[in-house]
N, C-alpha and C. Protein backbone atom coordinates (compact mmCIF):
# COMPACT_ATOMS: atom_id res chain seq x y z
N MET A 1 -37.79 -56.07 86.78
CA MET A 1 -36.20 -56.18 87.11
C MET A 1 -35.76 -56.67 85.54
N THR A 2 -34.41 -56.33 85.00
CA THR A 2 -33.95 -56.55 84.41
C THR A 2 -33.08 -57.85 84.54
N PRO A 3 -32.90 -58.91 83.53
CA PRO A 3 -31.98 -60.02 84.11
C PRO A 3 -30.67 -59.26 83.89
N GLU A 4 -29.69 -59.94 84.41
CA GLU A 4 -28.24 -59.95 84.03
C GLU A 4 -27.98 -60.64 83.18
N ARG A 5 -26.98 -59.48 82.22
CA ARG A 5 -26.92 -60.41 80.80
C ARG A 5 -25.16 -60.68 81.02
N ILE A 6 -25.12 -62.05 80.77
CA ILE A 6 -23.50 -62.44 80.99
C ILE A 6 -23.13 -62.85 79.76
N GLU A 7 -21.90 -62.70 79.45
CA GLU A 7 -20.99 -63.01 78.00
C GLU A 7 -20.62 -64.62 78.03
N ILE A 8 -21.01 -65.13 76.92
CA ILE A 8 -20.22 -66.37 76.97
C ILE A 8 -19.35 -66.26 76.06
N VAL A 9 -18.02 -66.53 76.67
CA VAL A 9 -17.02 -66.52 75.90
C VAL A 9 -16.10 -67.55 75.76
N LEU A 10 -15.32 -67.84 74.50
CA LEU A 10 -14.58 -69.16 74.39
C LEU A 10 -13.45 -69.03 75.13
N PRO A 11 -12.90 -69.72 76.33
CA PRO A 11 -12.09 -70.00 77.10
C PRO A 11 -10.79 -70.16 76.38
N GLU A 12 -10.07 -70.22 77.06
CA GLU A 12 -8.55 -70.44 76.68
C GLU A 12 -8.37 -71.82 76.58
N MET A 13 -7.77 -72.43 75.48
CA MET A 13 -7.48 -73.87 74.92
C MET A 13 -6.57 -74.22 75.20
N GLY A 14 -5.34 -73.29 74.80
CA GLY A 14 -4.11 -74.08 74.66
C GLY A 14 -3.65 -74.20 73.45
N MET A 15 -4.60 -73.84 72.16
CA MET A 15 -4.29 -73.73 70.63
C MET A 15 -4.07 -72.97 70.27
N THR A 16 -3.20 -71.57 70.92
CA THR A 16 -3.41 -70.81 70.10
C THR A 16 -2.70 -70.70 68.70
N SER A 17 -1.95 -71.89 68.41
CA SER A 17 -1.28 -71.73 67.24
C SER A 17 -2.45 -72.61 66.12
N GLU A 18 -3.16 -73.11 66.67
CA GLU A 18 -3.93 -73.80 65.90
C GLU A 18 -5.47 -73.06 65.35
N LYS A 19 -5.79 -73.03 64.08
CA LYS A 19 -7.05 -72.42 63.61
C LYS A 19 -8.06 -73.10 64.66
N ILE A 20 -8.92 -72.38 65.13
CA ILE A 20 -10.42 -72.75 66.08
C ILE A 20 -11.38 -72.42 65.10
N VAL A 21 -12.57 -73.09 64.97
CA VAL A 21 -13.76 -72.94 64.11
C VAL A 21 -14.66 -73.06 64.99
N PHE A 22 -15.88 -72.39 65.27
CA PHE A 22 -16.83 -72.42 66.32
C PHE A 22 -17.72 -73.29 65.24
N SER A 23 -18.66 -74.63 65.36
CA SER A 23 -19.15 -75.58 64.88
C SER A 23 -20.75 -75.29 64.84
N ARG A 24 -21.15 -75.28 66.45
CA ARG A 24 -22.35 -75.30 66.59
C ARG A 24 -22.88 -74.96 68.09
N TRP A 25 -24.16 -74.28 68.04
CA TRP A 25 -24.71 -74.00 69.45
C TRP A 25 -25.33 -75.26 69.64
N LEU A 26 -25.08 -75.70 71.17
CA LEU A 26 -25.84 -76.77 71.32
C LEU A 26 -27.43 -76.95 72.26
N LYS A 27 -27.82 -75.49 72.23
CA LYS A 27 -29.17 -75.22 72.88
C LYS A 27 -29.51 -73.83 71.97
N ASN A 28 -31.08 -73.55 71.85
CA ASN A 28 -31.47 -72.53 71.24
C ASN A 28 -31.80 -71.51 71.75
N VAL A 29 -31.79 -70.09 71.10
CA VAL A 29 -32.07 -68.82 71.60
C VAL A 29 -33.71 -69.14 72.14
N GLY A 30 -33.14 -68.66 73.18
CA GLY A 30 -34.80 -69.01 74.12
C GLY A 30 -34.89 -70.19 75.38
N ASP A 31 -34.05 -70.84 74.87
CA ASP A 31 -33.51 -72.39 75.90
C ASP A 31 -32.96 -71.85 77.05
N PHE A 32 -33.69 -72.31 78.14
CA PHE A 32 -33.09 -72.41 79.52
C PHE A 32 -31.66 -73.12 79.59
N VAL A 33 -30.58 -72.75 80.11
CA VAL A 33 -29.61 -73.89 80.14
C VAL A 33 -29.06 -73.58 81.52
N ASN A 34 -29.05 -74.75 81.86
CA ASN A 34 -28.18 -74.99 83.61
C ASN A 34 -26.38 -75.01 83.56
N GLU A 35 -26.18 -74.45 84.68
CA GLU A 35 -24.63 -74.69 84.72
C GLU A 35 -24.44 -76.19 84.30
N ASP A 36 -23.07 -75.99 83.96
CA ASP A 36 -22.83 -77.09 83.39
C ASP A 36 -23.34 -78.28 82.17
N ASP A 37 -24.31 -77.37 81.53
CA ASP A 37 -24.82 -78.16 80.58
C ASP A 37 -24.13 -77.89 79.49
N GLU A 38 -23.78 -78.52 78.46
CA GLU A 38 -23.40 -78.76 77.30
C GLU A 38 -24.17 -77.29 76.44
N ILE A 39 -23.24 -76.54 75.67
CA ILE A 39 -23.75 -75.42 75.17
C ILE A 39 -23.28 -75.29 73.54
N PHE A 40 -21.86 -75.61 73.50
CA PHE A 40 -21.44 -75.07 72.26
C PHE A 40 -20.15 -76.06 71.82
N GLU A 41 -20.11 -76.04 70.66
CA GLU A 41 -18.32 -77.00 70.20
C GLU A 41 -18.03 -76.26 69.18
N VAL A 42 -16.47 -76.29 69.20
CA VAL A 42 -15.80 -75.89 68.39
C VAL A 42 -14.76 -76.76 67.98
N GLU A 43 -14.07 -76.62 66.78
CA GLU A 43 -13.53 -77.94 66.18
C GLU A 43 -12.06 -76.90 65.85
N SER A 44 -10.97 -77.93 65.97
CA SER A 44 -9.63 -77.66 65.68
C SER A 44 -9.08 -78.63 64.62
N ASP A 45 -7.80 -78.67 64.57
CA ASP A 45 -7.16 -79.34 63.55
C ASP A 45 -6.91 -80.86 63.80
N LYS A 46 -7.03 -80.71 65.64
CA LYS A 46 -6.90 -82.12 66.04
C LYS A 46 -8.17 -82.63 66.79
N ALA A 47 -9.07 -81.98 67.26
CA ALA A 47 -10.19 -82.41 68.18
C ALA A 47 -11.49 -81.31 68.05
N THR A 48 -12.74 -81.80 68.02
CA THR A 48 -13.68 -81.29 68.69
C THR A 48 -14.06 -81.07 70.24
N VAL A 49 -14.22 -80.11 70.38
CA VAL A 49 -14.50 -79.52 71.95
C VAL A 49 -15.76 -79.12 72.43
N VAL A 50 -16.49 -79.51 73.03
CA VAL A 50 -17.72 -79.38 73.51
C VAL A 50 -17.16 -78.67 74.96
N PHE A 51 -18.22 -77.47 75.08
CA PHE A 51 -17.84 -76.47 76.16
C PHE A 51 -19.31 -76.24 76.96
N ALA A 52 -19.11 -76.51 78.55
CA ALA A 52 -20.27 -76.43 78.99
C ALA A 52 -20.75 -74.60 79.58
N ALA A 53 -22.11 -74.51 79.71
CA ALA A 53 -22.08 -73.36 80.63
C ALA A 53 -21.47 -73.00 81.77
N GLU A 54 -20.94 -72.05 82.12
CA GLU A 54 -20.15 -71.41 83.21
C GLU A 54 -21.52 -71.01 84.41
N HIS A 55 -22.57 -70.81 83.92
CA HIS A 55 -24.09 -70.07 84.46
C HIS A 55 -24.94 -70.39 84.23
N SER A 56 -25.93 -70.58 84.82
CA SER A 56 -27.47 -70.68 84.23
C SER A 56 -28.03 -69.40 83.77
N GLY A 57 -29.09 -70.17 83.21
CA GLY A 57 -30.03 -68.78 82.55
C GLY A 57 -30.58 -68.82 81.12
N VAL A 58 -31.16 -68.01 80.39
CA VAL A 58 -31.88 -68.10 79.24
C VAL A 58 -30.55 -67.82 78.17
N LEU A 59 -30.74 -68.90 76.89
CA LEU A 59 -29.46 -68.17 76.05
C LEU A 59 -30.48 -67.12 75.37
N ALA A 60 -30.05 -66.07 75.62
CA ALA A 60 -30.38 -64.82 74.67
C ALA A 60 -29.93 -64.23 73.53
N GLU A 61 -28.88 -64.60 72.96
CA GLU A 61 -28.17 -63.84 71.90
C GLU A 61 -27.19 -64.75 71.66
N VAL A 62 -27.07 -65.11 70.00
CA VAL A 62 -25.81 -65.73 69.97
C VAL A 62 -25.17 -64.64 69.04
N VAL A 63 -23.91 -64.65 69.07
CA VAL A 63 -23.06 -63.53 68.15
C VAL A 63 -22.51 -64.40 66.95
N VAL A 64 -21.79 -65.55 67.40
CA VAL A 64 -21.50 -66.49 66.48
C VAL A 64 -22.08 -67.51 65.94
N ARG A 65 -22.34 -67.89 64.77
CA ARG A 65 -22.84 -68.94 64.36
C ARG A 65 -22.20 -69.89 63.77
N GLU A 66 -20.76 -69.96 63.09
CA GLU A 66 -20.10 -70.48 62.51
C GLU A 66 -18.85 -69.86 62.09
N GLY A 67 -17.79 -70.69 61.91
CA GLY A 67 -16.62 -69.78 61.61
C GLY A 67 -15.26 -69.67 62.05
N ASP A 68 -14.42 -68.80 61.93
CA ASP A 68 -12.98 -68.87 62.86
C ASP A 68 -13.48 -68.39 63.94
N VAL A 69 -12.74 -68.43 65.17
CA VAL A 69 -13.03 -67.88 66.43
C VAL A 69 -11.43 -67.78 67.27
N LYS A 70 -11.57 -66.97 67.92
CA LYS A 70 -10.49 -67.14 68.89
C LYS A 70 -10.27 -67.26 70.20
N GLU A 71 -9.59 -67.37 70.99
CA GLU A 71 -9.73 -67.56 72.66
C GLU A 71 -10.26 -66.12 73.37
N GLY A 72 -11.28 -66.19 73.99
CA GLY A 72 -11.53 -64.61 74.68
C GLY A 72 -12.70 -63.94 73.52
N ASP A 73 -13.04 -64.35 72.58
CA ASP A 73 -13.99 -64.25 71.47
C ASP A 73 -15.54 -64.22 72.54
N VAL A 74 -16.10 -63.39 72.28
CA VAL A 74 -17.76 -63.54 72.75
C VAL A 74 -18.67 -64.23 72.14
N LEU A 75 -19.17 -65.15 72.27
CA LEU A 75 -19.53 -65.76 71.02
C LEU A 75 -21.43 -65.78 71.33
N GLY A 76 -22.06 -65.03 72.74
CA GLY A 76 -23.26 -64.81 72.45
C GLY A 76 -23.26 -64.70 74.35
N TYR A 77 -24.74 -64.44 74.38
CA TYR A 77 -25.27 -64.07 75.84
C TYR A 77 -25.80 -64.80 76.64
N LEU A 78 -26.10 -64.82 77.92
CA LEU A 78 -26.86 -65.45 78.42
C LEU A 78 -27.86 -64.24 79.53
N ASP A 79 -29.22 -64.61 79.67
CA ASP A 79 -29.97 -63.67 80.74
C ASP A 79 -29.96 -64.47 81.91
N ALA A 80 -29.30 -64.39 82.82
CA ALA A 80 -29.31 -65.06 84.01
C ALA A 80 -30.67 -64.59 85.17
N ARG A 81 -31.12 -65.68 85.62
CA ARG A 81 -32.60 -65.51 86.32
C ARG A 81 -32.41 -65.85 87.57
């Protein structure tokens, strides 16, 4: 059975006028991630924000490693187990 692939999306941050930069992944590809584990961080002009996983699963793929991002961008994928 193939695991369900879940998008990891940058949620709305209310910073649409600010530049948002993807900083780093806090987990590695292949790591199991529990729901609510801190998984990545982004930076704006005003703050560094750490995001938690919305689902449990294995970090299967990262799409973004660094650079400018915007709300709604797909950053990577989890394989749900």
